[in-house]
């Protein structure tokens, strides 16, 4: 058996409301996808802000789904997915130092910025 963080991941529909871990506000995963701040290629994470209070959200964008989770360091940075949201119209176009994806008919290009450039990271 494979051990790891993915054993606890739950899967949801795209319309499932999210609850902000900081203020308890409610929003949708599409709110985060429509306003990405930066892409962090090492752990393959997109940094976004909750629309309710600006709390940091960390996502992994895949074709057909988006995962909500967190980054952590263990020799290098990793992303741990806790929730997976099915998004049939989400498509990865490019993923390297930048992330390009399309969602609901719009195209996004998210630039590479490490956590040292993120004022909320504390690094």
Protein backbone atom coordinates (compact mmCIF):
# COMPACT_ATOMS: atom_id res chain seq x y z
CA UNK A 1 0.00 0.00 0.00
CA UNK A 2 1.08 3.53 -0.76
CA UNK A 3 1.25 5.81 2.21
CA UNK A 4 0.97 9.56 2.00
CA UNK A 5 -1.26 12.56 2.34
CA UNK A 6 -3.54 11.68 -0.60
CA UNK A 7 -5.36 9.01 1.43
CA UNK A 8 -7.42 11.73 3.12
CA UNK A 9 -8.28 13.75 -0.01
CA UNK A 10 -12.00 14.31 -0.61
CA UNK A 11 -13.58 14.91 -4.01
CA UNK A 12 -16.24 17.57 -4.68
CA UNK A 13 -18.29 19.10 -7.47
CA UNK A 14 -17.11 22.45 -8.80
CA UNK A 15 -20.19 24.16 -7.31
CA UNK A 16 -19.42 23.01 -3.74
CA UNK A 17 -18.98 26.10 -1.51
CA UNK A 18 -15.59 26.53 0.17
CA UNK A 19 -15.29 27.78 3.73
CA UNK A 20 -12.44 30.20 4.35
CA UNK A 21 -10.10 28.77 7.01
CA UNK A 22 -9.37 32.28 8.26
CA UNK A 23 -12.71 34.12 8.46
CA UNK A 24 -15.36 31.47 7.71
CA UNK A 25 -16.55 33.26 4.55
CA UNK A 26 -17.95 31.21 1.69
CA UNK A 27 -16.91 31.21 -1.98
CA UNK A 28 -16.39 28.82 -4.88
CA UNK A 29 -13.23 27.23 -6.24
CA UNK A 30 -14.01 29.05 -9.50
CA UNK A 31 -13.53 32.36 -7.62
CA UNK A 32 -9.94 31.29 -6.93
CA UNK A 33 -9.33 30.00 -10.47
CA UNK A 34 -10.56 33.28 -11.94
CA UNK A 35 -8.04 35.34 -9.94
CA UNK A 36 -4.70 33.48 -9.60
CA UNK A 37 -1.87 35.54 -8.09
CA UNK A 38 1.25 33.54 -8.94
CA UNK A 39 2.55 30.12 -9.88
CA UNK A 40 5.14 28.29 -7.79
CA UNK A 41 6.69 25.63 -10.06
CA UNK A 42 8.71 23.71 -7.42
CA UNK A 43 5.68 22.25 -5.64
CA UNK A 44 3.45 22.91 -8.71
CA UNK A 45 1.16 25.23 -6.73
CA UNK A 46 -0.92 28.25 -7.62
CA UNK A 47 -1.23 30.93 -4.97
CA UNK A 48 -4.59 32.68 -4.81
CA UNK A 49 -6.44 34.85 -2.30
CA UNK A 50 -9.82 34.15 -0.78
CA UNK A 51 -12.26 36.80 -2.01
CA UNK A 52 -13.76 37.24 1.46
CA UNK A 53 -10.69 38.35 3.44
CA UNK A 54 -7.62 37.86 1.25
CA UNK A 55 -6.42 34.72 3.06
CA UNK A 56 -3.82 32.71 1.14
CA UNK A 57 -5.13 29.69 -0.76
CA UNK A 58 -2.85 27.10 -2.37
CA UNK A 59 -4.07 25.09 -5.35
CA UNK A 60 -2.79 22.56 -7.84
CA UNK A 61 -4.39 22.94 -11.23
CA UNK A 62 -4.80 19.84 -13.42
CA UNK A 63 -6.71 19.25 -16.62
CA UNK A 64 -10.23 18.44 -15.45
CA UNK A 65 -9.72 19.17 -11.75
CA UNK A 66 -8.25 21.54 -9.20
CA UNK A 67 -6.88 20.48 -5.83
CA UNK A 68 -6.99 22.67 -2.73
CA UNK A 69 -4.29 22.02 -0.14
CA UNK A 70 -1.06 23.38 1.29
CA UNK A 71 2.68 23.44 0.70
CA UNK A 72 5.26 22.11 3.12
CA UNK A 73 9.01 21.57 3.21
CA UNK A 74 10.60 18.12 3.52
CA UNK A 75 14.05 18.46 1.94
CA UNK A 76 12.26 20.47 -0.79
CA UNK A 77 8.84 22.04 -1.19
CA UNK A 78 5.84 19.76 -1.75
CA UNK A 79 2.12 20.25 -2.28
CA UNK A 80 -0.36 18.22 -0.23
CA UNK A 81 -3.81 18.02 -1.82
CA UNK A 82 -6.65 17.82 0.69
CA UNK A 83 -9.69 18.45 -1.54
CA UNK A 84 -10.22 17.81 -5.25
CA UNK A 85 -12.81 19.69 -7.30
CA UNK A 86 -13.95 18.28 -10.64
CA UNK A 87 -13.75 20.94 -13.37
CA UNK A 88 -14.43 19.38 -16.78
CA UNK A 89 -13.71 22.61 -18.69
CA UNK A 90 -10.35 23.22 -16.98
CA UNK A 91 -7.42 22.53 -19.29
CA UNK A 92 -3.67 22.89 -18.80
CA UNK A 93 -2.05 24.52 -21.83
CA UNK A 94 1.52 24.85 -20.51
CA UNK A 95 3.23 24.05 -17.22
CA UNK A 96 6.91 24.85 -16.63
CA UNK A 97 8.21 28.13 -15.21
CA UNK A 98 4.80 29.58 -16.00
CA UNK A 99 1.36 28.03 -15.90
CA UNK A 100 -1.09 28.57 -18.74
CA UNK A 101 -4.60 27.18 -18.46
CA UNK A 102 -8.09 27.73 -19.77
CA UNK A 103 -11.22 27.72 -17.63
CA UNK A 104 -14.80 28.54 -18.58
CA UNK A 105 -13.72 29.97 -21.94
CA UNK A 106 -11.02 32.26 -20.54
CA UNK A 107 -7.24 31.82 -20.81
CA UNK A 108 -4.87 32.49 -17.91
CA UNK A 109 -1.09 32.87 -17.77
CA UNK A 110 0.29 32.78 -14.24
CA UNK A 111 3.91 33.85 -13.79
CA UNK A 112 6.56 32.18 -11.66
CA UNK A 113 7.01 33.83 -8.26
CA UNK A 114 8.55 32.03 -5.32
CA UNK A 115 7.31 32.37 -1.75
CA UNK A 116 9.98 34.98 -1.01
CA UNK A 117 7.97 37.33 -3.24
CA UNK A 118 4.71 36.59 -1.44
CA UNK A 119 4.10 39.03 1.44
CA UNK A 120 1.89 36.50 3.26
CA UNK A 121 4.49 33.71 3.30
CA UNK A 122 6.58 35.10 6.13
CA UNK A 123 9.80 34.04 4.37
